[in-house]
């Protein structure tokens, strides 16, 4: 049965393998371009009281590779951090804890481990406020991204920052800060919309993983939250997707559509490949599909 936009729910293991295959197909101008863009755009929080630890809320931390990079960036400016880690996978948390034990650079971080979904975590709200709340490549997979953003915002202290990082719908043509409108006209946003139009599964695309930065920015705008959006263009080599027996191609197709076993459904595979041909460029033996990462940053005003 074709279940569009539900890869991570149908097969978390396949999603993880597909994600790594996707990363391997990404074309960047520098080896650490992705990491540098992430680190350059993380807001450095300040504690509410001088000398206190910075409080960080991490939603969907996975095995901690991204979180640890964020924490090291903060520790360049701050002396200590309290990090509440919210991650539903016990296996991922185990890997994160093992990494922390061997990473001496995180010695000034006090970890508060929460093996919960974000819905479970927010329903158990203890009233603690944070200086930074972040969700990196997570908002595709939560049950309700709008509610998650609202809850993250409510747990921020005054002057705190919300940081979301995800694939973008298009590259914005404006440079004006505090603008949150992203028409999803190209790249991943366009692919998500067209995939849903071809094979709607239910009556609401936003109940699936087919979400991009445009959906997040519109949610923030509806909540009255001003944000700044910064983007990093990248290309994915989708040439393997056109090879009928390529397992890498199958995995990349699954990740880009967030749908399990697309290659087992000839009509969908054909439509996606046609979409790639219309929206890609050919360079030597590569077929480069244009995508982008978006960093979305919002600061909770201290003014009343």
C-alpha atoms as a PDB file:
ATOM      1  CA  UNK A   1       0.000   0.000   0.000  1.00  0.00           C
ATOM      2  CA  UNK A   2       1.325   3.436  -0.947  1.00  0.00           C
ATOM      3  CA  UNK A   3       1.522   5.672   2.134  1.00  0.00           C
ATOM      4  CA  UNK A   4       2.808   9.010   0.890  1.00  0.00           C
ATOM      5  CA  UNK A   5       4.859  11.131   3.291  1.00  0.00           C
ATOM      6  CA  UNK A   6       5.046   8.534   6.061  1.00  0.00           C
ATOM      7  CA  UNK A   7       8.479   6.968   5.624  1.00  0.00           C
ATOM      8  CA  UNK A   8       9.734   7.548   9.158  1.00  0.00           C
ATOM      9  CA  UNK A   9       6.546   6.165  10.710  1.00  0.00           C
ATOM     10  CA  UNK A  10       6.380   3.137   8.415  1.00  0.00           C
ATOM     11  CA  UNK A  11      10.061   2.239   8.659  1.00  0.00           C
ATOM     12  CA  UNK A  12      12.348   4.269  10.963  1.00  0.00           C
ATOM     13  CA  UNK A  13      15.297   2.021  10.098  1.00  0.00           C
ATOM     14  CA  UNK A  14      14.840   2.560   6.352  1.00  0.00           C
ATOM     15  CA  UNK A  15      14.454   6.294   6.956  1.00  0.00           C
ATOM     16  CA  UNK A  16      17.818   6.433   8.736  1.00  0.00           C
ATOM     17  CA  UNK A  17      19.575   4.515   5.946  1.00  0.00           C
ATOM     18  CA  UNK A  18      17.846   6.668   3.306  1.00  0.00           C
ATOM     19  CA  UNK A  19      18.890   9.857   5.114  1.00  0.00           C
ATOM     20  CA  UNK A  20      22.550   8.820   5.145  1.00  0.00           C
ATOM     21  CA  UNK A  21      22.350   7.911   1.455  1.00  0.00           C
ATOM     22  CA  UNK A  22      20.783  11.305   0.728  1.00  0.00           C
ATOM     23  CA  UNK A  23      23.605  13.081   2.584  1.00  0.00           C
ATOM     24  CA  UNK A  24      26.119  11.127   0.519  1.00  0.00           C
ATOM     25  CA  UNK A  25      24.457  12.362  -2.671  1.00  0.00           C
ATOM     26  CA  UNK A  26      24.497  16.025  -1.618  1.00  0.00           C
ATOM     27  CA  UNK A  27      26.924  18.178  -3.568  1.00  0.00           C
ATOM     28  CA  UNK A  28      28.649  20.973  -1.636  1.00  0.00           C
ATOM     29  CA  UNK A  29      31.464  23.351  -2.446  1.00  0.00           C
ATOM     30  CA  UNK A  30      33.256  22.664   0.865  1.00  0.00           C
ATOM     31  CA  UNK A  31      33.535  19.441   2.908  1.00  0.00           C
ATOM     32  CA  UNK A  32      31.965  21.023   6.013  1.00  0.00           C
ATOM     33  CA  UNK A  33      29.577  23.426   4.279  1.00  0.00           C
ATOM     34  CA  UNK A  34      26.499  21.965   5.974  1.00  0.00           C
ATOM     35  CA  UNK A  35      28.059  21.987   9.451  1.00  0.00           C
ATOM     36  CA  UNK A  36      29.455  25.488   8.977  1.00  0.00           C
ATOM     37  CA  UNK A  37      26.085  26.869   7.907  1.00  0.00           C
ATOM     38  CA  UNK A  38      24.419  25.303  10.938  1.00  0.00           C
ATOM     39  CA  UNK A  39      27.066  26.519  13.375  1.00  0.00           C
ATOM     40  CA  UNK A  40      27.191  30.023  11.864  1.00  0.00           C
ATOM     41  CA  UNK A  41      23.459  30.516  12.362  1.00  0.00           C
ATOM     42  CA  UNK A  42      22.911  29.070  15.823  1.00  0.00           C
ATOM     43  CA  UNK A  43      22.034  32.015  18.099  1.00  0.00           C
ATOM     44  CA  UNK A  44      24.316  32.137  21.132  1.00  0.00           C
ATOM     45  CA  UNK A  45      22.014  32.484  24.158  1.00  0.00           C
ATOM     46  CA  UNK A  46      22.785  34.364  27.340  1.00  0.00           C
ATOM     47  CA  UNK A  47      21.565  33.230  30.764  1.00  0.00           C
ATOM     48  CA  UNK A  48      18.840  35.175  32.520  1.00  0.00           C
ATOM     49  CA  UNK A  49      21.127  35.761  35.499  1.00  0.00           C
ATOM     50  CA  UNK A  50      24.837  36.523  35.371  1.00  0.00           C
ATOM     51  CA  UNK A  51      26.889  33.449  36.175  1.00  0.00           C
ATOM     52  CA  UNK A  52      23.999  31.032  35.688  1.00  0.00           C
ATOM     53  CA  UNK A  53      24.109  28.155  33.223  1.00  0.00           C
ATOM     54  CA  UNK A  54      22.574  28.701  29.804  1.00  0.00           C
ATOM     55  CA  UNK A  55      19.442  26.569  29.480  1.00  0.00           C
ATOM     56  CA  UNK A  56      18.976  24.709  26.197  1.00  0.00           C
ATOM     57  CA  UNK A  57      15.966  22.649  25.119  1.00  0.00           C
ATOM     58  CA  UNK A  58      16.710  20.146  22.338  1.00  0.00           C
ATOM     59  CA  UNK A  59      13.746  18.588  20.538  1.00  0.00           C
ATOM     60  CA  UNK A  60      14.438  15.360  18.649  1.00  0.00           C
ATOM     61  CA  UNK A  61      18.134  15.085  19.443  1.00  0.00           C
ATOM     62  CA  UNK A  62      18.740  11.723  17.797  1.00  0.00           C
ATOM     63  CA  UNK A  63      22.175  10.332  18.600  1.00  0.00           C
ATOM     64  CA  UNK A  64      23.543  13.771  19.405  1.00  0.00           C
ATOM     65  CA  UNK A  65      25.863  14.690  16.535  1.00  0.00           C
ATOM     66  CA  UNK A  66      24.082  17.978  15.825  1.00  0.00           C
ATOM     67  CA  UNK A  67      23.384  18.761  19.477  1.00  0.00           C
ATOM     68  CA  UNK A  68      27.031  18.323  20.425  1.00  0.00           C
ATOM     69  CA  UNK A  69      28.104  20.744  17.675  1.00  0.00           C
ATOM     70  CA  UNK A  70      25.586  23.306  18.945  1.00  0.00           C
ATOM     71  CA  UNK A  71      26.763  22.864  22.534  1.00  0.00           C
ATOM     72  CA  UNK A  72      30.421  23.292  21.611  1.00  0.00           C
ATOM     73  CA  UNK A  73      29.522  26.497  19.777  1.00  0.00           C
ATOM     74  CA  UNK A  74      27.714  27.839  22.866  1.00  0.00           C
ATOM     75  CA  UNK A  75      30.592  26.869  25.164  1.00  0.00           C
ATOM     76  CA  UNK A  76      32.914  29.106  23.162  1.00  0.00           C
ATOM     77  CA  UNK A  77      31.011  32.038  24.698  1.00  0.00           C
ATOM     78  CA  UNK A  78      29.408  30.639  27.853  1.00  0.00           C
ATOM     79  CA  UNK A  79      30.962  28.771  30.763  1.00  0.00           C
ATOM     80  CA  UNK A  80      28.234  26.221  31.493  1.00  0.00           C
ATOM     81  CA  UNK A  81      25.090  24.781  29.920  1.00  0.00           C
ATOM     82  CA  UNK A  82      22.052  22.885  31.161  1.00  0.00           C
ATOM     83  CA  UNK A  83      20.747  20.811  28.237  1.00  0.00           C
ATOM     84  CA  UNK A  84      17.367  19.085  28.354  1.00  0.00           C
ATOM     85  CA  UNK A  85      17.392  16.410  25.653  1.00  0.00           C
ATOM     86  CA  UNK A  86      14.021  15.186  24.339  1.00  0.00           C
ATOM     87  CA  UNK A  87      14.300  12.068  22.163  1.00  0.00           C
ATOM     88  CA  UNK A  88      11.828   9.162  21.941  1.00  0.00           C
ATOM     89  CA  UNK A  89      14.317   6.519  20.792  1.00  0.00           C
ATOM     90  CA  UNK A  90      16.054   4.675  23.601  1.00  0.00           C
ATOM     91  CA  UNK A  91      18.702   3.423  21.182  1.00  0.00           C
ATOM     92  CA  UNK A  92      19.465   6.965  19.994  1.00  0.00           C
ATOM     93  CA  UNK A  93      19.735   8.224  23.576  1.00  0.00           C
ATOM     94  CA  UNK A  94      22.086   5.364  24.401  1.00  0.00           C
ATOM     95  CA  UNK A  95      24.344   6.407  21.520  1.00  0.00           C
ATOM     96  CA  UNK A  96      24.181  10.058  22.595  1.00  0.00           C
ATOM     97  CA  UNK A  97      25.137   9.205  26.186  1.00  0.00           C
ATOM     98  CA  UNK A  98      28.036   7.056  24.985  1.00  0.00           C
ATOM     99  CA  UNK A  99      29.333   9.938  22.880  1.00  0.00           C
ATOM    100  CA  UNK A 100      29.093  12.350  25.830  1.00  0.00           C
ATOM    101  CA  UNK A 101      31.141  10.004  28.011  1.00  0.00           C
ATOM    102  CA  UNK A 102      34.027  10.157  25.553  1.00  0.00           C
ATOM    103  CA  UNK A 103      33.772  13.836  24.558  1.00  0.00           C
ATOM    104  CA  UNK A 104      35.721  15.917  27.056  1.00  0.00           C
ATOM    105  CA  UNK A 105      34.672  19.150  25.308  1.00  0.00           C
ATOM    106  CA  UNK A 106      31.174  18.707  26.783  1.00  0.00           C
ATOM    107  CA  UNK A 107      32.338  18.498  30.394  1.00  0.00           C
ATOM    108  CA  UNK A 108      30.660  21.824  31.283  1.00  0.00           C
ATOM    109  CA  UNK A 109      27.247  20.568  30.120  1.00  0.00           C
ATOM    110  CA  UNK A 110      24.715  19.105  32.549  1.00  0.00           C
ATOM    111  CA  UNK A 111      22.407  16.795  30.622  1.00  0.00           C
ATOM    112  CA  UNK A 112      18.781  16.119  31.508  1.00  0.00           C
ATOM    113  CA  UNK A 113      17.720  13.074  29.473  1.00  0.00           C
ATOM    114  CA  UNK A 114      14.054  12.698  28.525  1.00  0.00           C
ATOM    115  CA  UNK A 115      13.050   9.607  26.549  1.00  0.00           C
ATOM    116  CA  UNK A 116       9.770  11.039  25.296  1.00  0.00           C
ATOM    117  CA  UNK A 117       8.061  12.175  22.139  1.00  0.00           C
ATOM    118  CA  UNK A 118       7.702  15.919  21.946  1.00  0.00           C
ATOM    119  CA  UNK A 119       3.945  15.530  22.572  1.00  0.00           C
ATOM    120  CA  UNK A 120       4.616  13.561  25.777  1.00  0.00           C
ATOM    121  CA  UNK A 121       7.243  16.047  26.887  1.00  0.00           C
ATOM    122  CA  UNK A 122       5.111  19.149  26.426  1.00  0.00           C
ATOM    123  CA  UNK A 123       2.132  17.523  28.149  1.00  0.00           C
ATOM    124  CA  UNK A 124       4.347  17.132  31.249  1.00  0.00           C
ATOM    125  CA  UNK A 125       5.384  20.799  31.328  1.00  0.00           C
ATOM    126  CA  UNK A 126       7.216  21.591  34.577  1.00  0.00           C
ATOM    127  CA  UNK A 127       7.369  25.336  33.959  1.00  0.00           C
ATOM    128  CA  UNK A 128      11.118  25.522  33.306  1.00  0.00           C
ATOM    129  CA  UNK A 129      12.149  28.286  30.911  1.00  0.00           C
ATOM    130  CA  UNK A 130      14.971  28.064  28.388  1.00  0.00           C
ATOM    131  CA  UNK A 131      17.370  30.472  26.710  1.00  0.00           C
ATOM    132  CA  UNK A 132      17.454  28.446  23.482  1.00  0.00           C
ATOM    133  CA  UNK A 133      14.978  25.911  22.104  1.00  0.00           C
ATOM    134  CA  UNK A 134      16.000  24.172  18.894  1.00  0.00           C
ATOM    135  CA  UNK A 135      14.653  21.572  16.481  1.00  0.00           C
ATOM    136  CA  UNK A 136      17.084  20.540  13.732  1.00  0.00           C
ATOM    137  CA  UNK A 137      15.584  18.490  10.881  1.00  0.00           C
ATOM    138  CA  UNK A 138      12.812  17.421  13.272  1.00  0.00           C
ATOM    139  CA  UNK A 139       9.677  19.369  12.381  1.00  0.00           C
ATOM    140  CA  UNK A 140       8.878  17.067   9.459  1.00  0.00           C
ATOM    141  CA  UNK A 141       8.198  14.227  11.857  1.00  0.00           C
ATOM    142  CA  UNK A 142       6.355  15.594  14.875  1.00  0.00           C
ATOM    143  CA  UNK A 143       2.624  14.942  15.025  1.00  0.00           C
ATOM    144  CA  UNK A 144       1.703  18.637  14.842  1.00  0.00           C
ATOM    145  CA  UNK A 145       4.471  21.042  13.867  1.00  0.00           C
ATOM    146  CA  UNK A 146       2.317  24.098  14.650  1.00  0.00           C
ATOM    147  CA  UNK A 147       1.666  22.926  18.224  1.00  0.00           C
ATOM    148  CA  UNK A 148       5.330  22.019  18.633  1.00  0.00           C
ATOM    149  CA  UNK A 149       6.447  25.514  17.620  1.00  0.00           C
ATOM    150  CA  UNK A 150       3.897  27.101  19.937  1.00  0.00           C
ATOM    151  CA  UNK A 151       5.019  24.933  22.863  1.00  0.00           C
ATOM    152  CA  UNK A 152       8.695  25.609  22.210  1.00  0.00           C
ATOM    153  CA  UNK A 153       7.958  29.337  22.143  1.00  0.00           C
ATOM    154  CA  UNK A 154       6.039  29.172  25.408  1.00  0.00           C
ATOM    155  CA  UNK A 155       8.982  27.489  27.142  1.00  0.00           C
ATOM    156  CA  UNK A 156      11.399  30.243  26.136  1.00  0.00           C
ATOM    157  CA  UNK A 157      12.486  32.787  28.696  1.00  0.00           C
ATOM    158  CA  UNK A 158      12.276  36.452  27.743  1.00  0.00           C
ATOM    159  CA  UNK A 159      15.135  37.202  25.390  1.00  0.00           C
ATOM    160  CA  UNK A 160      15.420  33.520  24.470  1.00  0.00           C
ATOM    161  CA  UNK A 161      15.784  32.196  20.928  1.00  0.00           C
ATOM    162  CA  UNK A 162      13.858  29.631  18.929  1.00  0.00           C
ATOM    163  CA  UNK A 163      15.901  27.918  16.229  1.00  0.00           C
ATOM    164  CA  UNK A 164      14.505  25.592  13.553  1.00  0.00           C
ATOM    165  CA  UNK A 165      16.560  24.030  10.790  1.00  0.00           C
ATOM    166  CA  UNK A 166      15.018  22.178   7.852  1.00  0.00           C
ATOM    167  CA  UNK A 167      14.786  21.887   4.091  1.00  0.00           C
ATOM    168  CA  UNK A 168      13.405  24.945   2.393  1.00  0.00           C
ATOM    169  CA  UNK A 169      10.669  25.337  -0.175  1.00  0.00           C
ATOM    170  CA  UNK A 170      12.561  27.912  -2.235  1.00  0.00           C
ATOM    171  CA  UNK A 171      15.219  30.577  -1.978  1.00  0.00           C
ATOM    172  CA  UNK A 172      13.704  33.839  -0.834  1.00  0.00           C
ATOM    173  CA  UNK A 173      14.256  36.811  -3.094  1.00  0.00           C
ATOM    174  CA  UNK A 174      13.975  39.411  -0.329  1.00  0.00           C
ATOM    175  CA  UNK A 175      16.530  40.459   2.258  1.00  0.00           C
ATOM    176  CA  UNK A 176      14.072  42.007   4.674  1.00  0.00           C
ATOM    177  CA  UNK A 177      14.267  40.633   8.230  1.00  0.00           C
ATOM    178  CA  UNK A 178      11.162  39.619  10.164  1.00  0.00           C
ATOM    179  CA  UNK A 179       9.439  38.275   7.063  1.00  0.00           C
ATOM    180  CA  UNK A 180       8.103  34.756   7.303  1.00  0.00           C
ATOM    181  CA  UNK A 181       6.270  34.119   4.036  1.00  0.00           C
ATOM    182  CA  UNK A 182       7.766  31.351   1.870  1.00  0.00           C
ATOM    183  CA  UNK A 183       5.864  30.443  -1.286  1.00  0.00           C
ATOM    184  CA  UNK A 184       6.903  26.832  -1.960  1.00  0.00           C
ATOM    185  CA  UNK A 185       7.558  27.219  -5.689  1.00  0.00           C
ATOM    186  CA  UNK A 186      10.703  25.188  -6.223  1.00  0.00           C
ATOM    187  CA  UNK A 187      13.001  22.630  -4.708  1.00  0.00           C
ATOM    188  CA  UNK A 188      11.711  20.413  -1.933  1.00  0.00           C
ATOM    189  CA  UNK A 189       8.640  22.539  -1.280  1.00  0.00           C
ATOM    190  CA  UNK A 190       7.463  22.143  -4.860  1.00  0.00           C
ATOM    191  CA  UNK A 191       8.225  18.413  -4.820  1.00  0.00           C
ATOM    192  CA  UNK A 192       6.240  17.953  -1.605  1.00  0.00           C
ATOM    193  CA  UNK A 193       3.237  19.830  -2.989  1.00  0.00           C
ATOM    194  CA  UNK A 194       3.265  17.983  -6.295  1.00  0.00           C
ATOM    195  CA  UNK A 195       3.756  14.592  -4.640  1.00  0.00           C
ATOM    196  CA  UNK A 196       0.700  15.255  -2.496  1.00  0.00           C
ATOM    197  CA  UNK A 197      -1.330  16.409  -5.486  1.00  0.00           C
ATOM    198  CA  UNK A 198      -0.458  13.235  -7.380  1.00  0.00           C
ATOM    199  CA  UNK A 199      -1.133  10.820  -4.537  1.00  0.00           C
ATOM    200  CA  UNK A 200      -3.082  12.445  -1.681  1.00  0.00           C
ATOM    201  CA  UNK A 201      -3.246  10.188   1.347  1.00  0.00           C
ATOM    202  CA  UNK A 202      -5.877  11.680   3.627  1.00  0.00           C
ATOM    203  CA  UNK A 203      -7.018  15.273   3.513  1.00  0.00           C
ATOM    204  CA  UNK A 204      -4.104  17.176   5.060  1.00  0.00           C
ATOM    205  CA  UNK A 205      -0.530  17.216   3.761  1.00  0.00           C
ATOM    206  CA  UNK A 206       0.646  18.742   7.040  1.00  0.00           C
ATOM    207  CA  UNK A 207      -0.286  15.550   8.888  1.00  0.00           C
ATOM    208  CA  UNK A 208       2.532  13.842   6.985  1.00  0.00           C
ATOM    209  CA  UNK A 209       6.277  14.500   6.772  1.00  0.00           C
ATOM    210  CA  UNK A 210       5.842  16.552   3.582  1.00  0.00           C
ATOM    211  CA  UNK A 211       6.639  19.829   5.335  1.00  0.00           C
ATOM    212  CA  UNK A 212       9.184  22.474   4.459  1.00  0.00           C
ATOM    213  CA  UNK A 213      10.375  25.800   5.827  1.00  0.00           C
ATOM    214  CA  UNK A 214       7.415  27.503   4.154  1.00  0.00           C
ATOM    215  CA  UNK A 215       5.020  25.612   6.409  1.00  0.00           C
ATOM    216  CA  UNK A 216       7.065  26.474   9.491  1.00  0.00           C
ATOM    217  CA  UNK A 217       7.329  30.163   8.629  1.00  0.00           C
ATOM    218  CA  UNK A 218       3.588  30.388   8.015  1.00  0.00           C
ATOM    219  CA  UNK A 219       2.933  28.802  11.411  1.00  0.00           C
ATOM    220  CA  UNK A 220       5.184  31.328  13.123  1.00  0.00           C
ATOM    221  CA  UNK A 221       3.484  34.175  11.318  1.00  0.00           C
ATOM    222  CA  UNK A 222       0.057  32.923  12.426  1.00  0.00           C
ATOM    223  CA  UNK A 223       1.345  32.909  16.016  1.00  0.00           C
ATOM    224  CA  UNK A 224       2.474  36.527  15.673  1.00  0.00           C
ATOM    225  CA  UNK A 225       6.147  35.552  15.874  1.00  0.00           C
ATOM    226  CA  UNK A 226       8.652  37.483  13.764  1.00  0.00           C
ATOM    227  CA  UNK A 227      11.554  35.505  12.393  1.00  0.00           C
ATOM    228  CA  UNK A 228      14.652  35.763  10.238  1.00  0.00           C
ATOM    229  CA  UNK A 229      15.297  33.115   7.596  1.00  0.00           C
ATOM    230  CA  UNK A 230      18.733  32.306   6.217  1.00  0.00           C
ATOM    231  CA  UNK A 231      19.362  29.803   3.459  1.00  0.00           C
ATOM    232  CA  UNK A 232      22.098  27.593   2.083  1.00  0.00           C
ATOM    233  CA  UNK A 233      21.702  26.283  -1.436  1.00  0.00           C
ATOM    234  CA  UNK A 234      22.766  22.731  -2.142  1.00  0.00           C
ATOM    235  CA  UNK A 235      22.309  20.145  -4.880  1.00  0.00           C
ATOM    236  CA  UNK A 236      21.484  16.468  -4.690  1.00  0.00           C
ATOM    237  CA  UNK A 237      22.780  14.149  -7.382  1.00  0.00           C
ATOM    238  CA  UNK A 238      19.704  12.091  -8.276  1.00  0.00           C
ATOM    239  CA  UNK A 239      21.318  10.190 -11.171  1.00  0.00           C
ATOM    240  CA  UNK A 240      21.163   6.925  -9.209  1.00  0.00           C
ATOM    241  CA  UNK A 241      17.378   7.262  -9.020  1.00  0.00           C
ATOM    242  CA  UNK A 242      17.170   6.665 -12.769  1.00  0.00           C
ATOM    243  CA  UNK A 243      18.986   3.310 -12.490  1.00  0.00           C
ATOM    244  CA  UNK A 244      16.285   0.711 -12.075  1.00  0.00           C
ATOM    245  CA  UNK A 245      18.303  -1.690  -9.922  1.00  0.00           C
ATOM    246  CA  UNK A 246      20.249   0.861  -7.860  1.00  0.00           C
ATOM    247  CA  UNK A 247      19.588   0.476  -4.134  1.00  0.00           C
ATOM    248  CA  UNK A 248      21.122   3.911  -3.507  1.00  0.00           C
ATOM    249  CA  UNK A 249      18.713   5.382  -6.052  1.00  0.00           C
ATOM    250  CA  UNK A 250      15.762   3.707  -4.361  1.00  0.00           C
ATOM    251  CA  UNK A 251      16.787   5.083  -0.985  1.00  0.00           C
ATOM    252  CA  UNK A 252      17.259   8.623  -2.316  1.00  0.00           C
ATOM    253  CA  UNK A 253      13.810   8.452  -3.936  1.00  0.00           C
ATOM    254  CA  UNK A 254      12.307   7.333  -0.644  1.00  0.00           C
ATOM    255  CA  UNK A 255      13.980  10.114   1.313  1.00  0.00           C
ATOM    256  CA  UNK A 256      13.147  12.912  -1.104  1.00  0.00           C
ATOM    257  CA  UNK A 257       9.473  11.895  -1.161  1.00  0.00           C
ATOM    258  CA  UNK A 258       9.398  10.735   2.486  1.00  0.00           C
ATOM    259  CA  UNK A 259       7.620   7.642   1.195  1.00  0.00           C
ATOM    260  CA  UNK A 260       8.624   4.007   1.664  1.00  0.00           C
ATOM    261  CA  UNK A 261       9.521   1.852  -1.355  1.00  0.00           C
ATOM    262  CA  UNK A 262       8.610   4.338  -4.083  1.00  0.00           C
ATOM    263  CA  UNK A 263      10.265   2.066  -6.645  1.00  0.00           C
ATOM    264  CA  UNK A 264       7.619  -0.584  -5.950  1.00  0.00           C
ATOM    265  CA  UNK A 265       4.996   1.837  -7.298  1.00  0.00           C
ATOM    266  CA  UNK A 266       5.810   2.468 -10.999  1.00  0.00           C
ATOM    267  CA  UNK A 267       3.390   5.369 -11.456  1.00  0.00           C
ATOM    268  CA  UNK A 268       4.803   7.356  -8.549  1.00  0.00           C
ATOM    269  CA  UNK A 269       8.408   6.563  -9.486  1.00  0.00           C
ATOM    270  CA  UNK A 270       7.749   7.727 -13.042  1.00  0.00           C
ATOM    271  CA  UNK A 271       6.175  11.001 -11.923  1.00  0.00           C
ATOM    272  CA  UNK A 272       9.008  11.798  -9.504  1.00  0.00           C
ATOM    273  CA  UNK A 273      11.670  11.061 -12.121  1.00  0.00           C
ATOM    274  CA  UNK A 274       9.858  13.302 -14.606  1.00  0.00           C
ATOM    275  CA  UNK A 275       9.786  16.013 -11.931  1.00  0.00           C
ATOM    276  CA  UNK A 276      13.553  15.660 -11.440  1.00  0.00           C
ATOM    277  CA  UNK A 277      14.168  16.032 -15.176  1.00  0.00           C
ATOM    278  CA  UNK A 278      12.080  19.217 -15.303  1.00  0.00           C
ATOM    279  CA  UNK A 279      13.715  20.737 -12.226  1.00  0.00           C
ATOM    280  CA  UNK A 280      17.341  19.614 -12.404  1.00  0.00           C
ATOM    281  CA  UNK A 281      20.482  20.423 -14.333  1.00  0.00           C
ATOM    282  CA  UNK A 282      22.879  17.944 -15.937  1.00  0.00           C
ATOM    283  CA  UNK A 283      26.599  18.260 -15.272  1.00  0.00           C
ATOM    284  CA  UNK A 284      28.777  15.515 -16.746  1.00  0.00           C
ATOM    285  CA  UNK A 285      27.181  12.286 -15.512  1.00  0.00           C
ATOM    286  CA  UNK A 286      25.309  13.979 -12.657  1.00  0.00           C
ATOM    287  CA  UNK A 287      21.673  15.060 -12.484  1.00  0.00           C
ATOM    288  CA  UNK A 288      21.604  17.831  -9.894  1.00  0.00           C
ATOM    289  CA  UNK A 289      18.330  18.577  -8.149  1.00  0.00           C
ATOM    290  CA  UNK A 290      18.344  21.932  -6.380  1.00  0.00           C
ATOM    291  CA  UNK A 291      17.440  21.943  -2.686  1.00  0.00           C
ATOM    292  CA  UNK A 292      18.357  24.198   0.218  1.00  0.00           C
ATOM    293  CA  UNK A 293      18.615  24.233   3.985  1.00  0.00           C
ATOM    294  CA  UNK A 294      16.869  26.974   5.921  1.00  0.00           C
ATOM    295  CA  UNK A 295      17.776  28.303   9.350  1.00  0.00           C
ATOM    296  CA  UNK A 296      14.767  29.975  10.985  1.00  0.00           C
ATOM    297  CA  UNK A 297      15.526  32.164  13.997  1.00  0.00           C
ATOM    298  CA  UNK A 298      13.103  33.982  16.285  1.00  0.00           C
ATOM    299  CA  UNK A 299      13.830  35.922  19.485  1.00  0.00           C
ATOM    300  CA  UNK A 300      11.319  36.343  22.269  1.00  0.00           C
ATOM    301  CA  UNK A 301      11.123  40.033  23.028  1.00  0.00           C
ATOM    302  CA  UNK A 302      11.853  41.252  26.539  1.00  0.00           C
ATOM    303  CA  UNK A 303       9.423  44.124  26.038  1.00  0.00           C
ATOM    304  CA  UNK A 304       5.866  43.943  27.274  1.00  0.00           C
END
